[in-house]
Amino acid sequence: MANTEHTDDPLARIDRLIAEERELRGRATGEGLGEEDRRRLADLEQRLDQCWDLLRRRRANAEFGVDPDQAKTRPVSEVESYQQ
């Protein structure tokens, strides 16, 4: 993730990623996606996994009296295999 995203509100970041994902998925069912768009969609899915993980950990930190900002984005390899 880009450094500027670490300072964003996690929910706002998720909303932006979801909007882009929906746009790509809409095009996929219509005209289909080229290779670049398929790669972008896969990247969006991974970034969303990371964002949801970060949001859950921030909320857990807050619930247990820990500074939510201590939670950092984990690598895709750690979060992509989680069951939702």
N, C-alpha and C. Protein backbone atom coordinates (compact mmCIF):
# COMPACT_ATOMS: atom_id res chain seq x y z
N MET A 1 0.84 -1.19 0.00
CA MET A 1 0.00 0.00 0.00
C MET A 1 0.88 1.24 0.00
N ALA A 2 0.40 2.24 -0.65
CA ALA A 2 1.15 3.48 -0.70
C ALA A 2 1.16 4.14 0.67
N ASN A 3 2.22 4.88 0.96
CA ASN A 3 2.34 5.53 2.25
C ASN A 3 1.19 6.48 2.54
N THR A 4 0.65 7.15 1.53
CA THR A 4 -0.44 8.09 1.78
C THR A 4 -1.67 7.37 2.29
N GLU A 5 -1.83 6.10 1.98
CA GLU A 5 -3.01 5.38 2.43
C GLU A 5 -2.96 5.07 3.91
N HIS A 6 -1.77 5.03 4.51
CA HIS A 6 -1.67 4.74 5.93
C HIS A 6 -2.29 5.84 6.78
N THR A 7 -2.36 7.05 6.25
CA THR A 7 -2.92 8.15 7.01
C THR A 7 -4.40 8.34 6.73
N ASP A 8 -4.94 7.66 5.73
CA ASP A 8 -6.35 7.76 5.40
C ASP A 8 -7.21 7.09 6.46
N ASP A 9 -8.45 7.51 6.53
CA ASP A 9 -9.43 6.82 7.32
C ASP A 9 -9.64 5.43 6.69
N PRO A 10 -9.51 4.36 7.47
CA PRO A 10 -9.64 3.02 6.87
C PRO A 10 -10.96 2.79 6.15
N LEU A 11 -12.05 3.30 6.68
CA LEU A 11 -13.34 3.11 6.02
C LEU A 11 -13.41 3.87 4.70
N ALA A 12 -12.84 5.05 4.64
CA ALA A 12 -12.82 5.82 3.39
C ALA A 12 -11.98 5.09 2.36
N ARG A 13 -10.86 4.52 2.78
CA ARG A 13 -10.00 3.76 1.87
C ARG A 13 -10.74 2.54 1.34
N ILE A 14 -11.45 1.83 2.22
CA ILE A 14 -12.22 0.66 1.81
C ILE A 14 -13.31 1.07 0.82
N ASP A 15 -13.99 2.17 1.09
CA ASP A 15 -15.04 2.65 0.18
C ASP A 15 -14.48 2.92 -1.21
N ARG A 16 -13.31 3.56 -1.28
CA ARG A 16 -12.70 3.85 -2.60
C ARG A 16 -12.34 2.56 -3.33
N LEU A 17 -11.76 1.61 -2.61
CA LEU A 17 -11.37 0.34 -3.24
C LEU A 17 -12.59 -0.44 -3.71
N ILE A 18 -13.65 -0.44 -2.90
CA ILE A 18 -14.87 -1.15 -3.27
C ILE A 18 -15.49 -0.52 -4.51
N ALA A 19 -15.50 0.80 -4.58
CA ALA A 19 -16.07 1.49 -5.75
C ALA A 19 -15.32 1.09 -7.01
N GLU A 20 -14.01 1.04 -6.93
CA GLU A 20 -13.22 0.65 -8.10
C GLU A 20 -13.44 -0.82 -8.44
N GLU A 21 -13.53 -1.66 -7.42
CA GLU A 21 -13.77 -3.08 -7.65
C GLU A 21 -15.13 -3.29 -8.33
N ARG A 22 -16.15 -2.60 -7.87
CA ARG A 22 -17.49 -2.72 -8.49
C ARG A 22 -17.48 -2.28 -9.95
N GLU A 23 -16.76 -1.19 -10.22
CA GLU A 23 -16.68 -0.70 -11.59
C GLU A 23 -16.03 -1.75 -12.49
N LEU A 24 -14.94 -2.34 -12.04
CA LEU A 24 -14.26 -3.38 -12.82
C LEU A 24 -15.14 -4.62 -12.97
N ARG A 25 -15.80 -5.04 -11.90
CA ARG A 25 -16.67 -6.21 -11.99
C ARG A 25 -17.85 -5.95 -12.94
N GLY A 26 -18.36 -4.73 -12.94
CA GLY A 26 -19.43 -4.38 -13.87
C GLY A 26 -18.97 -4.48 -15.31
N ARG A 27 -17.78 -4.02 -15.57
CA ARG A 27 -17.24 -4.13 -16.92
C ARG A 27 -16.94 -5.58 -17.28
N ALA A 28 -16.57 -6.37 -16.29
CA ALA A 28 -16.23 -7.79 -16.55
C ALA A 28 -17.45 -8.55 -17.05
N THR A 29 -18.63 -8.24 -16.51
CA THR A 29 -19.83 -8.95 -16.93
C THR A 29 -20.37 -8.41 -18.24
N GLY A 30 -19.97 -7.23 -18.62
CA GLY A 30 -20.42 -6.64 -19.88
C GLY A 30 -19.43 -6.94 -21.00
N GLU A 31 -18.45 -6.09 -21.11
CA GLU A 31 -17.50 -6.18 -22.20
C GLU A 31 -16.31 -7.09 -21.92
N GLY A 32 -16.15 -7.51 -20.68
CA GLY A 32 -15.00 -8.32 -20.31
C GLY A 32 -13.82 -7.43 -19.92
N LEU A 33 -12.83 -8.04 -19.31
CA LEU A 33 -11.66 -7.29 -18.85
C LEU A 33 -10.42 -7.74 -19.60
N GLY A 34 -9.58 -6.78 -19.88
CA GLY A 34 -8.27 -7.08 -20.45
C GLY A 34 -7.35 -7.56 -19.35
N GLU A 35 -6.17 -7.97 -19.73
CA GLU A 35 -5.19 -8.50 -18.77
C GLU A 35 -4.85 -7.48 -17.69
N GLU A 36 -4.66 -6.23 -18.07
CA GLU A 36 -4.31 -5.20 -17.08
C GLU A 36 -5.43 -5.02 -16.06
N ASP A 37 -6.68 -4.99 -16.52
CA ASP A 37 -7.81 -4.85 -15.60
C ASP A 37 -7.97 -6.08 -14.71
N ARG A 38 -7.70 -7.27 -15.23
CA ARG A 38 -7.76 -8.48 -14.39
C ARG A 38 -6.70 -8.42 -13.29
N ARG A 39 -5.51 -7.94 -13.65
CA ARG A 39 -4.46 -7.79 -12.63
C ARG A 39 -4.87 -6.76 -11.59
N ARG A 40 -5.46 -5.66 -12.05
CA ARG A 40 -5.91 -4.61 -11.13
C ARG A 40 -6.99 -5.14 -10.19
N LEU A 41 -7.91 -5.93 -10.71
CA LEU A 41 -8.97 -6.50 -9.89
C LEU A 41 -8.37 -7.43 -8.83
N ALA A 42 -7.41 -8.25 -9.21
CA ALA A 42 -6.76 -9.13 -8.24
C ALA A 42 -6.04 -8.31 -7.17
N ASP A 43 -5.39 -7.22 -7.58
CA ASP A 43 -4.71 -6.34 -6.63
C ASP A 43 -5.72 -5.70 -5.68
N LEU A 44 -6.85 -5.26 -6.21
CA LEU A 44 -7.89 -4.66 -5.37
C LEU A 44 -8.39 -5.65 -4.33
N GLU A 45 -8.61 -6.90 -4.74
CA GLU A 45 -9.07 -7.92 -3.80
C GLU A 45 -8.07 -8.11 -2.66
N GLN A 46 -6.80 -8.13 -3.00
CA GLN A 46 -5.76 -8.29 -1.97
C GLN A 46 -5.71 -7.08 -1.05
N ARG A 47 -5.79 -5.88 -1.62
CA ARG A 47 -5.74 -4.67 -0.81
C ARG A 47 -6.96 -4.57 0.09
N LEU A 48 -8.12 -5.00 -0.41
CA LEU A 48 -9.31 -5.00 0.44
C LEU A 48 -9.15 -5.97 1.61
N ASP A 49 -8.59 -7.15 1.35
CA ASP A 49 -8.31 -8.08 2.44
C ASP A 49 -7.44 -7.41 3.50
N GLN A 50 -6.40 -6.71 3.06
CA GLN A 50 -5.52 -6.01 4.00
C GLN A 50 -6.26 -4.93 4.77
N CYS A 51 -7.08 -4.17 4.08
CA CYS A 51 -7.82 -3.09 4.73
C CYS A 51 -8.80 -3.60 5.77
N TRP A 52 -9.56 -4.65 5.41
CA TRP A 52 -10.51 -5.22 6.37
C TRP A 52 -9.78 -5.77 7.58
N ASP A 53 -8.65 -6.42 7.37
CA ASP A 53 -7.85 -6.94 8.47
C ASP A 53 -7.38 -5.81 9.38
N LEU A 54 -6.87 -4.74 8.77
CA LEU A 54 -6.41 -3.60 9.55
C LEU A 54 -7.56 -2.98 10.34
N LEU A 55 -8.71 -2.82 9.72
CA LEU A 55 -9.86 -2.24 10.41
C LEU A 55 -10.28 -3.10 11.60
N ARG A 56 -10.34 -4.42 11.40
CA ARG A 56 -10.70 -5.32 12.52
C ARG A 56 -9.70 -5.20 13.67
N ARG A 57 -8.41 -5.15 13.33
CA ARG A 57 -7.40 -5.07 14.39
C ARG A 57 -7.42 -3.71 15.08
N ARG A 58 -7.69 -2.63 14.34
CA ARG A 58 -7.80 -1.30 14.96
C ARG A 58 -8.98 -1.27 15.94
N ARG A 59 -10.10 -1.85 15.51
CA ARG A 59 -11.28 -1.88 16.39
C ARG A 59 -11.03 -2.74 17.63
N ALA A 60 -10.34 -3.85 17.45
CA ALA A 60 -10.02 -4.70 18.60
C ALA A 60 -9.10 -3.96 19.56
N ASN A 61 -8.10 -3.26 19.02
CA ASN A 61 -7.21 -2.48 19.88
C ASN A 61 -8.01 -1.47 20.70
N ALA A 62 -8.90 -0.74 20.03
CA ALA A 62 -9.69 0.28 20.72
C ALA A 62 -10.56 -0.35 21.81
N GLU A 63 -11.14 -1.50 21.49
CA GLU A 63 -12.00 -2.19 22.46
C GLU A 63 -11.25 -2.58 23.72
N PHE A 64 -9.97 -2.91 23.57
CA PHE A 64 -9.18 -3.37 24.72
C PHE A 64 -8.23 -2.31 25.25
N GLY A 65 -8.50 -1.04 24.91
CA GLY A 65 -7.74 0.06 25.48
C GLY A 65 -6.35 0.25 24.91
N VAL A 66 -6.09 -0.29 23.73
CA VAL A 66 -4.79 -0.13 23.07
C VAL A 66 -4.96 0.91 21.96
N ASP A 67 -3.95 1.70 21.74
CA ASP A 67 -3.99 2.71 20.69
C ASP A 67 -4.24 2.04 19.34
N PRO A 68 -5.35 2.38 18.67
CA PRO A 68 -5.66 1.78 17.36
C PRO A 68 -4.56 2.01 16.33
N ASP A 69 -3.84 3.14 16.46
CA ASP A 69 -2.79 3.45 15.50
C ASP A 69 -1.59 2.50 15.59
N GLN A 70 -1.55 1.67 16.62
CA GLN A 70 -0.47 0.68 16.72
C GLN A 70 -0.65 -0.45 15.71
N ALA A 71 -1.86 -0.64 15.24
CA ALA A 71 -2.12 -1.68 14.24
C ALA A 71 -1.57 -1.21 12.90
N LYS A 72 -0.79 -2.05 12.27
CA LYS A 72 -0.19 -1.73 10.97
C LYS A 72 -0.68 -2.72 9.92
N THR A 73 -0.61 -2.31 8.68
CA THR A 73 -1.03 -3.16 7.58
C THR A 73 -0.12 -4.37 7.50
N ARG A 74 -0.73 -5.56 7.46
CA ARG A 74 0.05 -6.78 7.34
C ARG A 74 0.19 -7.19 5.88
N PRO A 75 1.21 -7.96 5.56
CA PRO A 75 1.40 -8.41 4.17
C PRO A 75 0.24 -9.27 3.69
N VAL A 76 0.02 -9.23 2.38
CA VAL A 76 -1.04 -10.01 1.76
C VAL A 76 -0.92 -11.48 2.14
N SER A 77 0.29 -11.98 2.20
CA SER A 77 0.50 -13.40 2.51
C SER A 77 -0.07 -13.79 3.87
N GLU A 78 -0.20 -12.83 4.78
CA GLU A 78 -0.76 -13.11 6.10
C GLU A 78 -2.28 -13.03 6.13
N VAL A 79 -2.85 -12.20 5.29
CA VAL A 79 -4.29 -11.95 5.41
C VAL A 79 -5.13 -12.60 4.31
N GLU A 80 -4.55 -13.00 3.20
CA GLU A 80 -5.36 -13.48 2.10
C GLU A 80 -5.96 -14.86 2.33
N SER A 81 -5.40 -15.64 3.24
CA SER A 81 -5.93 -16.99 3.45
C SER A 81 -6.95 -17.05 4.59
N TYR A 82 -7.27 -15.90 5.18
CA TYR A 82 -8.26 -15.88 6.26
C TYR A 82 -9.64 -16.22 5.73
N GLN A 83 -10.41 -16.90 6.55
CA GLN A 83 -11.81 -17.17 6.23
C GLN A 83 -12.63 -15.98 6.70
N GLN A 84 -13.52 -15.51 5.85
CA GLN A 84 -14.38 -14.37 6.22
C GLN A 84 -15.61 -14.85 6.94
